Amino acid sequence: MIIVAGSLLLEAADRPRYLAAVADVARQARAARGCLDFVQAADPIDPERINIFERWESDADLERFRASGEPGEEDPAVPPLRAAHVRKYRIAAVEDP
């Protein structure tokens, strides 16, 4: 299992517009083969932060989804990020908490 998790930082005033612009990405991901979970959500404490969480069955599923986007210019509707702190984790075992 693969988990992609972390945060994106942008201007607080841009966060609602960013989340609206990328809302369809979550729908597409959740419909993709191998996607177990996908969310980009506003952080409840930091108004400049968006929390990222993705869970995939395999690297191949994640890469297939990432490659399915249309190449081209950046979408002007998506505000620019100031920083991204996102990592991919390989999970060897899963158990109840």
C-alpha atoms as a PDB file:
ATOM      1  CA  MET A   1       0.000   0.000   0.000  1.00  0.00           C
ATOM      2  CA  ILE A   2       1.118   3.547  -0.782  1.00  0.00           C
ATOM      3  CA  ILE A   3       0.198   6.636   1.230  1.00  0.00           C
ATOM      4  CA  VAL A   4       0.838  10.140  -0.040  1.00  0.00           C
ATOM      5  CA  ALA A   5       0.473  12.683   2.758  1.00  0.00           C
ATOM      6  CA  GLY A   6       1.518  16.177   3.660  1.00  0.00           C
ATOM      7  CA  SER A   7       0.491  19.772   3.201  1.00  0.00           C
ATOM      8  CA  LEU A   8       0.355  22.584   0.689  1.00  0.00           C
ATOM      9  CA  LEU A   9       0.795  26.223   1.676  1.00  0.00           C
ATOM     10  CA  LEU A  10      -0.676  29.197  -0.129  1.00  0.00           C
ATOM     11  CA  GLU A  11      -2.061  32.619   0.685  1.00  0.00           C
ATOM     12  CA  ALA A  12      -5.065  32.304   3.017  1.00  0.00           C
ATOM     13  CA  ALA A  13      -7.244  34.349   0.661  1.00  0.00           C
ATOM     14  CA  ASP A  14      -6.449  31.900  -2.186  1.00  0.00           C
ATOM     15  CA  ARG A  15      -7.282  28.690  -0.317  1.00  0.00           C
ATOM     16  CA  PRO A  16     -11.041  28.534  -1.124  1.00  0.00           C
ATOM     17  CA  ARG A  17     -10.347  29.202  -4.810  1.00  0.00           C
ATOM     18  CA  TYR A  18      -7.617  26.545  -4.886  1.00  0.00           C
ATOM     19  CA  LEU A  19      -9.853  23.912  -3.297  1.00  0.00           C
ATOM     20  CA  ALA A  20     -12.704  24.740  -5.686  1.00  0.00           C
ATOM     21  CA  ALA A  21     -10.373  24.534  -8.690  1.00  0.00           C
ATOM     22  CA  VAL A  22      -9.061  21.073  -7.741  1.00  0.00           C
ATOM     23  CA  ALA A  23     -12.329  19.583  -6.402  1.00  0.00           C
ATOM     24  CA  ASP A  24     -12.772  17.405  -9.486  1.00  0.00           C
ATOM     25  CA  VAL A  25      -9.337  15.817  -8.961  1.00  0.00           C
ATOM     26  CA  ALA A  26     -10.634  14.042  -5.845  1.00  0.00           C
ATOM     27  CA  ARG A  27     -13.640  12.683  -7.752  1.00  0.00           C
ATOM     28  CA  GLN A  28     -11.373  11.446 -10.553  1.00  0.00           C
ATOM     29  CA  ALA A  29      -8.911   9.870  -8.124  1.00  0.00           C
ATOM     30  CA  ARG A  30     -11.589   8.089  -6.109  1.00  0.00           C
ATOM     31  CA  ALA A  31     -12.963   6.619  -9.334  1.00  0.00           C
ATOM     32  CA  ALA A  32      -9.504   5.463 -10.455  1.00  0.00           C
ATOM     33  CA  ARG A  33      -8.418   1.850 -10.179  1.00  0.00           C
ATOM     34  CA  GLY A  34      -6.449   1.237  -6.998  1.00  0.00           C
ATOM     35  CA  CYS A  35      -7.456   4.431  -5.182  1.00  0.00           C
ATOM     36  CA  LEU A  36      -8.496   3.646  -1.611  1.00  0.00           C
ATOM     37  CA  ASP A  37      -8.816   7.258  -0.439  1.00  0.00           C
ATOM     38  CA  PHE A  38      -8.044  10.759  -1.708  1.00  0.00           C
ATOM     39  CA  VAL A  39      -8.636  14.116  -0.049  1.00  0.00           C
ATOM     40  CA  GLN A  40      -7.368  17.679  -0.250  1.00  0.00           C
ATOM     41  CA  ALA A  41      -8.888  19.583   2.670  1.00  0.00           C
ATOM     42  CA  ALA A  42      -8.615  22.942   4.384  1.00  0.00           C
ATOM     43  CA  ASP A  43      -6.678  22.717   7.634  1.00  0.00           C
ATOM     44  CA  PRO A  44      -8.964  23.704  10.551  1.00  0.00           C
ATOM     45  CA  ILE A  45      -6.206  25.645  12.374  1.00  0.00           C
ATOM     46  CA  ASP A  46      -3.898  27.174   9.749  1.00  0.00           C
ATOM     47  CA  PRO A  47      -5.749  29.267   7.108  1.00  0.00           C
ATOM     48  CA  GLU A  48      -2.820  28.953   4.687  1.00  0.00           C
ATOM     49  CA  ARG A  49      -2.621  25.153   4.791  1.00  0.00           C
ATOM     50  CA  ILE A  50      -4.295  22.384   2.787  1.00  0.00           C
ATOM     51  CA  ASN A  51      -3.876  18.840   4.092  1.00  0.00           C
ATOM     52  CA  ILE A  52      -3.216  16.110   1.539  1.00  0.00           C
ATOM     53  CA  PHE A  53      -3.991  12.429   2.061  1.00  0.00           C
ATOM     54  CA  GLU A  54      -4.018   9.726  -0.614  1.00  0.00           C
ATOM     55  CA  ARG A  55      -4.063   5.962  -0.187  1.00  0.00           C
ATOM     56  CA  TRP A  56      -3.336   3.659  -3.132  1.00  0.00           C
ATOM     57  CA  GLU A  57      -3.105  -0.102  -3.551  1.00  0.00           C
ATOM     58  CA  SER A  58       0.186   0.155  -5.456  1.00  0.00           C
ATOM     59  CA  ASP A  59       2.790   2.399  -7.063  1.00  0.00           C
ATOM     60  CA  ALA A  60       1.439   1.365 -10.449  1.00  0.00           C
ATOM     61  CA  ASP A  61      -2.065   2.595  -9.551  1.00  0.00           C
ATOM     62  CA  LEU A  62      -0.714   5.913  -8.295  1.00  0.00           C
ATOM     63  CA  GLU A  63       1.488   6.419 -11.351  1.00  0.00           C
ATOM     64  CA  ARG A  64      -1.331   5.480 -13.746  1.00  0.00           C
ATOM     65  CA  PHE A  65      -3.562   8.120 -12.142  1.00  0.00           C
ATOM     66  CA  ARG A  66      -0.844  10.774 -12.181  1.00  0.00           C
ATOM     67  CA  ALA A  67      -0.139  10.049 -15.860  1.00  0.00           C
ATOM     68  CA  SER A  68      -3.833  10.299 -16.764  1.00  0.00           C
ATOM     69  CA  GLY A  69      -3.877  14.097 -16.464  1.00  0.00           C
ATOM     70  CA  GLU A  70      -3.836  16.130 -19.605  1.00  0.00           C
ATOM     71  CA  PRO A  71      -0.437  17.626 -20.393  1.00  0.00           C
ATOM     72  CA  GLY A  72      -0.306  21.313 -21.132  1.00  0.00           C
ATOM     73  CA  GLU A  73      -0.138  24.683 -19.509  1.00  0.00           C
ATOM     74  CA  GLU A  74      -0.942  25.246 -15.876  1.00  0.00           C
ATOM     75  CA  ASP A  75      -4.570  26.056 -15.115  1.00  0.00           C
ATOM     76  CA  PRO A  76      -4.879  29.801 -14.395  1.00  0.00           C
ATOM     77  CA  ALA A  77      -7.853  29.055 -12.104  1.00  0.00           C
ATOM     78  CA  VAL A  78      -5.510  27.295  -9.650  1.00  0.00           C
ATOM     79  CA  PRO A  79      -3.752  29.824  -7.392  1.00  0.00           C
ATOM     80  CA  PRO A  80       0.003  29.363  -6.971  1.00  0.00           C
ATOM     81  CA  LEU A  81       1.414  27.426  -4.032  1.00  0.00           C
ATOM     82  CA  ARG A  82       3.991  28.974  -1.723  1.00  0.00           C
ATOM     83  CA  ALA A  83       5.271  25.566  -0.642  1.00  0.00           C
ATOM     84  CA  ALA A  84       4.486  21.859  -0.769  1.00  0.00           C
ATOM     85  CA  HIS A  85       5.529  19.363   1.892  1.00  0.00           C
ATOM     86  CA  VAL A  86       4.223  16.040   0.571  1.00  0.00           C
ATOM     87  CA  ARG A  87       5.825  12.598   0.847  1.00  0.00           C
ATOM     88  CA  LYS A  88       5.103   9.084  -0.363  1.00  0.00           C
ATOM     89  CA  TYR A  89       5.114   6.282   2.218  1.00  0.00           C
ATOM     90  CA  ARG A  90       5.311   2.544   1.510  1.00  0.00           C
ATOM     91  CA  ILE A  91       3.268   0.603   4.013  1.00  0.00           C
ATOM     92  CA  ALA A  92       4.334  -2.947   4.837  1.00  0.00           C
ATOM     93  CA  ALA A  93       1.514  -3.862   7.234  1.00  0.00           C
ATOM     94  CA  VAL A  94      -1.872  -2.555   8.336  1.00  0.00           C
ATOM     95  CA  GLU A  95      -3.578  -3.273  11.655  1.00  0.00           C
ATOM     96  CA  ASP A  96      -6.337  -1.861  13.825  1.00  0.00           C
ATOM     97  CA  PRO A  97      -5.281   0.919  16.209  1.00  0.00           C
END
